[in-house]
Each structure stands twice: as structure tokens, then as C-alpha cells.
Amino acid sequence: QVQLVESGGGLVQAGGSLRLSCVLSGSILSRFDIAWYRQAPEKQRELVAAISTGETTTYVNSVEGRFTISRDNTKNTGYLQMNSLKPEDTAVYYCTVGGGRITGGKYTYTSSTAWGQGTQVTVSS
């Protein structure tokens, strides 16, 4: 059974940093693309960042240059380093694994196989 467990969320002041981790059990991480989504109150879940099995990455415009997604297949773990956090980054962050495609040099995360339970990130002003 594939399971994902996130950690690393918390309360931080604006301008601060957090690193989220996502540990996969029941399968081998190197087989999957990894993505981080977030959902703020009364808003739709949005894709924040994704990384392919070949380590191609994509980010939503609002976090470009502040967030970095990475993976360590030897630890079956994915990461989301979040710097220069803003109050509007406040949300529940979810890790997911699945697949994507690269077309014309552009990487798109397309489908999920499993989701974590989410971790709360709160950024105070």
C-alpha cells in the first residue's frame, strides 16, 4: 500500500523559511513524479511545484524564485524548501506522487497516484 507522510509545517513570520518533507512508503519514489499542492481556506487546491523522475521542475508563478522542490530517491523523500514566505502562502500543503509529461521542453504534472494527509503552513504578517 502506497502511503505518503508530510512533515515540516508550522507557524512562521513573513520573510521566514520552512522545509516540508514527504516520505513515501510501500513503493519506490524513483518511479514517480512528485508534486506539492496547497489549499487555503475557501480556495481551490492549486499546484505549487512538481518535479519529474528526471528532476525537471515546474512552479506556479507566485512561488517562482522563493520555493525549491527537490527529491532524494535514496531516502524515498521529497522536499519543498520555502523561503521568503508571505501571508498569502498560508495553506494546507499536500504531497502527491504520480506522473507527468514533457512537451516542447515544458514539463507538466498530470496525474496523481497517492496523496499525503497534508501539513499546515501559517505565515503571520
N, C-alpha and C. Protein backbone atom coordinates (compact mmCIF):
# COMPACT_ATOMS: atom_id res chain seq x y z
N GLN A 1 0.85 -1.19 0.00
CA GLN A 1 0.00 0.00 0.00
C GLN A 1 0.89 1.23 0.00
N VAL A 2 0.66 2.12 -0.97
CA VAL A 2 1.45 3.33 -1.07
C VAL A 2 0.93 4.36 -0.07
N GLN A 3 1.84 4.91 0.71
CA GLN A 3 1.48 5.94 1.68
C GLN A 3 2.49 7.08 1.62
N LEU A 4 1.97 8.29 1.83
CA LEU A 4 2.81 9.49 1.89
C LEU A 4 2.57 10.19 3.22
N VAL A 5 3.65 10.61 3.86
CA VAL A 5 3.53 11.32 5.12
C VAL A 5 4.33 12.60 5.01
N GLU A 6 3.63 13.75 5.18
CA GLU A 6 4.29 15.05 5.14
C GLU A 6 4.67 15.48 6.55
N SER A 7 5.67 16.33 6.63
CA SER A 7 6.07 16.95 7.88
C SER A 7 6.76 18.27 7.56
N GLY A 8 6.96 19.08 8.61
CA GLY A 8 7.71 20.31 8.45
C GLY A 8 6.88 21.58 8.43
N GLY A 9 5.56 21.44 8.46
CA GLY A 9 4.74 22.64 8.50
C GLY A 9 4.81 23.31 9.86
N GLY A 10 4.22 24.49 9.94
CA GLY A 10 4.21 25.22 11.21
C GLY A 10 3.87 26.67 11.02
N LEU A 11 4.12 27.44 12.08
CA LEU A 11 3.86 28.88 12.09
C LEU A 11 5.19 29.62 11.93
N VAL A 12 5.22 30.56 11.00
CA VAL A 12 6.44 31.31 10.75
C VAL A 12 6.08 32.75 10.42
N GLN A 13 6.96 33.67 10.73
CA GLN A 13 6.73 35.08 10.39
C GLN A 13 7.02 35.31 8.91
N ALA A 14 6.38 36.32 8.37
CA ALA A 14 6.65 36.70 6.98
C ALA A 14 8.15 36.93 6.79
N GLY A 15 8.65 36.43 5.67
CA GLY A 15 10.07 36.52 5.39
C GLY A 15 10.86 35.31 5.85
N GLY A 16 10.23 34.46 6.64
CA GLY A 16 10.90 33.28 7.15
C GLY A 16 10.90 32.12 6.17
N SER A 17 11.41 30.98 6.65
CA SER A 17 11.56 29.80 5.81
C SER A 17 11.02 28.55 6.52
N LEU A 18 10.60 27.61 5.72
CA LEU A 18 10.22 26.29 6.19
C LEU A 18 10.64 25.28 5.13
N ARG A 19 10.92 24.05 5.57
CA ARG A 19 11.17 22.97 4.61
C ARG A 19 10.19 21.84 4.90
N LEU A 20 9.37 21.54 3.91
CA LEU A 20 8.44 20.43 4.01
C LEU A 20 9.10 19.16 3.49
N SER A 21 8.79 18.04 4.14
CA SER A 21 9.29 16.74 3.71
C SER A 21 8.10 15.83 3.43
N CYS A 22 8.32 14.88 2.54
CA CYS A 22 7.27 13.93 2.16
C CYS A 22 7.93 12.57 1.98
N VAL A 23 7.61 11.65 2.87
CA VAL A 23 8.22 10.32 2.84
C VAL A 23 7.24 9.32 2.24
N LEU A 24 7.71 8.59 1.26
CA LEU A 24 6.89 7.57 0.60
C LEU A 24 7.21 6.20 1.17
N SER A 25 6.17 5.43 1.49
CA SER A 25 6.35 4.03 1.88
C SER A 25 5.48 3.14 1.00
N GLY A 26 5.88 1.89 0.86
CA GLY A 26 5.10 0.95 0.07
C GLY A 26 5.44 0.94 -1.40
N SER A 27 6.37 1.78 -1.82
CA SER A 27 6.79 1.80 -3.22
C SER A 27 8.15 2.48 -3.32
N ILE A 28 8.60 2.67 -4.54
CA ILE A 28 9.92 3.26 -4.79
C ILE A 28 9.73 4.64 -5.41
N LEU A 29 10.24 5.65 -4.74
CA LEU A 29 9.98 7.02 -5.15
C LEU A 29 10.51 7.32 -6.55
N SER A 30 11.60 6.70 -6.93
CA SER A 30 12.22 6.99 -8.22
C SER A 30 11.30 6.70 -9.41
N ARG A 31 10.25 5.94 -9.18
CA ARG A 31 9.30 5.61 -10.24
C ARG A 31 8.30 6.73 -10.51
N PHE A 32 8.22 7.72 -9.61
CA PHE A 32 7.15 8.71 -9.66
C PHE A 32 7.66 10.13 -9.82
N ASP A 33 6.84 10.97 -10.46
CA ASP A 33 6.98 12.41 -10.30
C ASP A 33 6.40 12.77 -8.92
N ILE A 34 6.86 13.89 -8.37
CA ILE A 34 6.38 14.37 -7.07
C ILE A 34 5.81 15.77 -7.27
N ALA A 35 4.71 16.03 -6.58
CA ALA A 35 4.14 17.38 -6.65
C ALA A 35 3.69 17.81 -5.26
N TRP A 36 3.72 19.12 -5.06
CA TRP A 36 3.16 19.74 -3.86
C TRP A 36 2.00 20.63 -4.29
N TYR A 37 0.88 20.44 -3.64
CA TYR A 37 -0.30 21.28 -3.82
C TYR A 37 -0.56 22.01 -2.50
N ARG A 38 -1.36 23.05 -2.58
CA ARG A 38 -1.81 23.72 -1.37
C ARG A 38 -3.26 24.14 -1.52
N GLN A 39 -3.91 24.24 -0.36
CA GLN A 39 -5.30 24.70 -0.35
C GLN A 39 -5.49 25.64 0.82
N ALA A 40 -5.82 26.88 0.49
CA ALA A 40 -6.13 27.88 1.51
C ALA A 40 -7.63 27.85 1.78
N PRO A 41 -8.06 28.38 2.93
CA PRO A 41 -9.49 28.37 3.25
C PRO A 41 -10.32 29.04 2.15
N GLU A 42 -11.37 28.36 1.75
CA GLU A 42 -12.32 28.86 0.76
C GLU A 42 -11.69 29.07 -0.61
N LYS A 43 -10.59 28.41 -0.86
CA LYS A 43 -9.96 28.48 -2.19
C LYS A 43 -9.76 27.07 -2.74
N GLN A 44 -9.62 26.99 -4.05
CA GLN A 44 -9.37 25.70 -4.68
C GLN A 44 -7.94 25.24 -4.44
N ARG A 45 -7.76 23.94 -4.45
CA ARG A 45 -6.42 23.39 -4.33
C ARG A 45 -5.63 23.76 -5.58
N GLU A 46 -4.39 24.22 -5.38
CA GLU A 46 -3.57 24.60 -6.53
C GLU A 46 -2.22 23.88 -6.50
N LEU A 47 -1.71 23.61 -7.68
CA LEU A 47 -0.38 23.03 -7.81
C LEU A 47 0.66 24.09 -7.53
N VAL A 48 1.56 23.79 -6.60
CA VAL A 48 2.61 24.74 -6.21
C VAL A 48 3.90 24.44 -6.97
N ALA A 49 4.29 23.17 -6.99
CA ALA A 49 5.54 22.78 -7.63
C ALA A 49 5.50 21.29 -7.92
N ALA A 50 6.27 20.89 -8.93
CA ALA A 50 6.38 19.48 -9.26
C ALA A 50 7.77 19.19 -9.79
N ILE A 51 8.19 17.94 -9.63
CA ILE A 51 9.50 17.51 -10.11
C ILE A 51 9.35 16.14 -10.75
N SER A 52 9.91 16.00 -11.94
CA SER A 52 9.80 14.74 -12.66
C SER A 52 10.82 13.73 -12.15
N THR A 53 10.71 12.51 -12.64
CA THR A 53 11.69 11.49 -12.27
C THR A 53 13.09 11.89 -12.74
N GLY A 54 13.16 12.68 -13.81
CA GLY A 54 14.44 13.16 -14.31
C GLY A 54 14.85 14.49 -13.73
N GLU A 55 14.12 14.95 -12.69
CA GLU A 55 14.41 16.18 -11.94
C GLU A 55 14.16 17.46 -12.72
N THR A 56 13.29 17.40 -13.73
CA THR A 56 12.79 18.63 -14.32
C THR A 56 11.73 19.19 -13.39
N THR A 57 11.72 20.50 -13.21
CA THR A 57 10.81 21.11 -12.25
C THR A 57 9.89 22.13 -12.90
N THR A 58 8.79 22.40 -12.21
CA THR A 58 7.86 23.45 -12.61
C THR A 58 7.27 24.07 -11.35
N TYR A 59 6.97 25.37 -11.42
CA TYR A 59 6.45 26.10 -10.27
C TYR A 59 5.29 26.99 -10.71
N VAL A 60 4.36 27.21 -9.79
CA VAL A 60 3.35 28.23 -10.03
C VAL A 60 4.05 29.59 -9.95
N ASN A 61 3.58 30.55 -10.72
CA ASN A 61 4.27 31.84 -10.82
C ASN A 61 4.47 32.52 -9.46
N SER A 62 3.51 32.37 -8.57
CA SER A 62 3.55 33.09 -7.30
C SER A 62 4.67 32.63 -6.37
N VAL A 63 5.25 31.46 -6.61
CA VAL A 63 6.33 30.97 -5.74
C VAL A 63 7.66 30.88 -6.46
N GLU A 64 7.66 31.17 -7.75
CA GLU A 64 8.90 31.10 -8.54
C GLU A 64 9.97 31.97 -7.90
N GLY A 65 11.16 31.39 -7.71
CA GLY A 65 12.27 32.13 -7.11
C GLY A 65 12.29 32.11 -5.59
N ARG A 66 11.21 31.65 -4.96
CA ARG A 66 11.15 31.57 -3.49
C ARG A 66 11.12 30.12 -3.00
N PHE A 67 10.46 29.25 -3.75
CA PHE A 67 10.33 27.85 -3.35
C PHE A 67 11.22 26.99 -4.24
N THR A 68 11.72 25.89 -3.66
CA THR A 68 12.51 24.93 -4.43
C THR A 68 12.04 23.52 -4.10
N ILE A 69 11.67 22.78 -5.12
CA ILE A 69 11.27 21.38 -4.94
C ILE A 69 12.47 20.50 -5.26
N SER A 70 12.62 19.43 -4.49
CA SER A 70 13.74 18.52 -4.73
C SER A 70 13.33 17.12 -4.29
N ARG A 71 14.20 16.18 -4.57
CA ARG A 71 13.92 14.80 -4.20
C ARG A 71 15.22 14.10 -3.83
N ASP A 72 15.10 13.12 -2.92
CA ASP A 72 16.23 12.25 -2.58
C ASP A 72 15.70 10.82 -2.67
N ASN A 73 15.93 10.20 -3.81
CA ASN A 73 15.40 8.86 -4.02
C ASN A 73 16.01 7.84 -3.07
N THR A 74 17.22 8.10 -2.59
CA THR A 74 17.86 7.15 -1.66
C THR A 74 17.12 7.13 -0.33
N LYS A 75 16.41 8.23 -0.02
CA LYS A 75 15.65 8.31 1.22
C LYS A 75 14.14 8.18 0.98
N ASN A 76 13.77 7.96 -0.28
CA ASN A 76 12.34 7.88 -0.63
C ASN A 76 11.58 9.12 -0.16
N THR A 77 12.22 10.27 -0.28
CA THR A 77 11.69 11.51 0.28
C THR A 77 11.74 12.65 -0.73
N GLY A 78 10.67 13.43 -0.74
CA GLY A 78 10.61 14.66 -1.50
C GLY A 78 10.59 15.84 -0.56
N TYR A 79 11.02 17.00 -1.08
CA TYR A 79 11.13 18.19 -0.24
C TYR A 79 10.54 19.41 -0.95
N LEU A 80 10.10 20.36 -0.14
CA LEU A 80 9.73 21.68 -0.65
C LEU A 80 10.36 22.71 0.28
N GLN A 81 11.41 23.36 -0.18
CA GLN A 81 12.05 24.43 0.57
C GLN A 81 11.33 25.73 0.26
N MET A 82 10.82 26.38 1.29
CA MET A 82 10.03 27.60 1.10
C MET A 82 10.74 28.75 1.80
N ASN A 83 11.20 29.71 1.03
CA ASN A 83 11.88 30.90 1.56
C ASN A 83 11.06 32.15 1.30
N SER A 84 11.40 33.21 2.00
CA SER A 84 10.72 34.49 1.83
C SER A 84 9.20 34.32 1.87
N LEU A 85 8.74 33.61 2.87
CA LEU A 85 7.32 33.28 2.96
C LEU A 85 6.48 34.54 3.16
N LYS A 86 5.28 34.49 2.58
CA LYS A 86 4.33 35.59 2.65
C LYS A 86 3.05 35.10 3.30
N PRO A 87 2.27 36.02 3.88
CA PRO A 87 0.98 35.59 4.47
C PRO A 87 0.09 34.85 3.48
N GLU A 88 0.16 35.21 2.22
CA GLU A 88 -0.67 34.54 1.23
C GLU A 88 -0.22 33.11 0.92
N ASP A 89 0.92 32.69 1.47
CA ASP A 89 1.34 31.30 1.35
C ASP A 89 0.66 30.40 2.37
N THR A 90 -0.07 31.00 3.30
CA THR A 90 -0.77 30.22 4.32
C THR A 90 -1.77 29.27 3.69
N ALA A 91 -1.64 27.98 4.02
CA ALA A 91 -2.50 26.96 3.43
C ALA A 91 -2.13 25.61 4.04
N VAL A 92 -2.94 24.61 3.73
CA VAL A 92 -2.56 23.22 3.98
C VAL A 92 -1.82 22.75 2.73
N TYR A 93 -0.63 22.21 2.93
CA TYR A 93 0.20 21.74 1.83
C TYR A 93 0.15 20.22 1.75
N TYR A 94 -0.10 19.72 0.55
CA TYR A 94 -0.24 18.30 0.31
C TYR A 94 0.85 17.81 -0.64
N CYS A 95 1.41 16.67 -0.31
CA CYS A 95 2.35 16.00 -1.18
C CYS A 95 1.60 14.92 -1.97
N THR A 96 2.00 14.74 -3.21
CA THR A 96 1.40 13.69 -4.02
C THR A 96 2.45 13.13 -4.97
N VAL A 97 2.25 11.90 -5.42
CA VAL A 97 3.14 11.29 -6.41
C VAL A 97 2.29 10.79 -7.57
N GLY A 98 2.90 10.82 -8.74
CA GLY A 98 2.16 10.38 -9.92
C GLY A 98 3.00 10.51 -11.15
N GLY A 99 2.41 11.09 -12.22
CA GLY A 99 3.13 11.18 -13.47
C GLY A 99 2.98 12.53 -14.13
N GLY A 100 3.79 12.76 -15.15
CA GLY A 100 3.72 14.00 -15.90
C GLY A 100 4.24 13.78 -17.31
N ARG A 101 4.36 14.87 -18.04
CA ARG A 101 4.89 14.78 -19.40
C ARG A 101 5.71 16.02 -19.70
N ILE A 102 6.60 15.85 -20.62
CA ILE A 102 7.39 16.97 -21.12
C ILE A 102 7.10 17.12 -22.60
N THR A 103 6.54 18.27 -22.96
CA THR A 103 6.18 18.53 -24.35
C THR A 103 6.79 19.86 -24.78
N GLY A 104 7.56 19.81 -25.83
CA GLY A 104 8.18 21.03 -26.31
C GLY A 104 9.07 21.68 -25.27
N GLY A 105 9.69 20.85 -24.42
CA GLY A 105 10.58 21.36 -23.38
C GLY A 105 9.87 21.82 -22.12
N LYS A 106 8.56 21.78 -22.13
CA LYS A 106 7.80 22.22 -20.95
C LYS A 106 7.28 21.00 -20.20
N TYR A 107 7.51 21.01 -18.89
CA TYR A 107 7.10 19.91 -18.03
C TYR A 107 5.74 20.23 -17.41
N THR A 108 4.84 19.25 -17.45
CA THR A 108 3.52 19.38 -16.84
C THR A 108 3.24 18.16 -15.99
N TYR A 109 2.87 18.39 -14.74
CA TYR A 109 2.43 17.30 -13.86
C TYR A 109 0.98 17.00 -14.19
N THR A 110 0.66 15.73 -14.43
CA THR A 110 -0.65 15.43 -15.00
C THR A 110 -1.56 14.58 -14.15
N SER A 111 -1.03 13.68 -13.30
CA SER A 111 -1.92 12.76 -12.59
C SER A 111 -1.28 12.26 -11.33
N SER A 112 -2.13 11.97 -10.33
CA SER A 112 -1.67 11.53 -9.01
C SER A 112 -2.10 10.11 -8.70
N THR A 113 -1.21 9.39 -8.05
CA THR A 113 -1.48 8.02 -7.62
C THR A 113 -1.82 7.96 -6.13
N ALA A 114 -1.20 8.82 -5.35
CA ALA A 114 -1.43 8.81 -3.90
C ALA A 114 -1.21 10.21 -3.36
N TRP A 115 -1.86 10.51 -2.23
CA TRP A 115 -1.79 11.80 -1.57
C TRP A 115 -1.43 11.63 -0.11
N GLY A 116 -0.72 12.62 0.42
CA GLY A 116 -0.49 12.66 1.85
C GLY A 116 -1.67 13.31 2.56
N GLN A 117 -1.56 13.39 3.88
CA GLN A 117 -2.68 13.90 4.69
C GLN A 117 -2.67 15.41 4.80
N GLY A 118 -1.56 16.03 4.42
CA GLY A 118 -1.45 17.48 4.46
C GLY A 118 -0.75 17.97 5.72
N THR A 119 -0.09 19.11 5.57
CA THR A 119 0.56 19.76 6.71
C THR A 119 0.27 21.26 6.63
N GLN A 120 -0.09 21.84 7.79
CA GLN A 120 -0.50 23.24 7.82
C GLN A 120 0.72 24.16 7.82
N VAL A 121 0.69 25.16 6.96
CA VAL A 121 1.69 26.22 6.95
C VAL A 121 0.96 27.53 7.20
N THR A 122 1.37 28.24 8.24
CA THR A 122 0.76 29.52 8.57
C THR A 122 1.84 30.58 8.62
N VAL A 123 1.67 31.64 7.85
CA VAL A 123 2.64 32.73 7.79
C VAL A 123 1.98 33.98 8.36
N SER A 124 2.56 34.48 9.43
CA SER A 124 1.99 35.67 10.07
C SER A 124 2.66 36.93 9.52
N SER A 125 1.89 38.01 9.51
CA SER A 125 2.41 39.28 8.97
C SER A 125 3.06 40.13 10.04
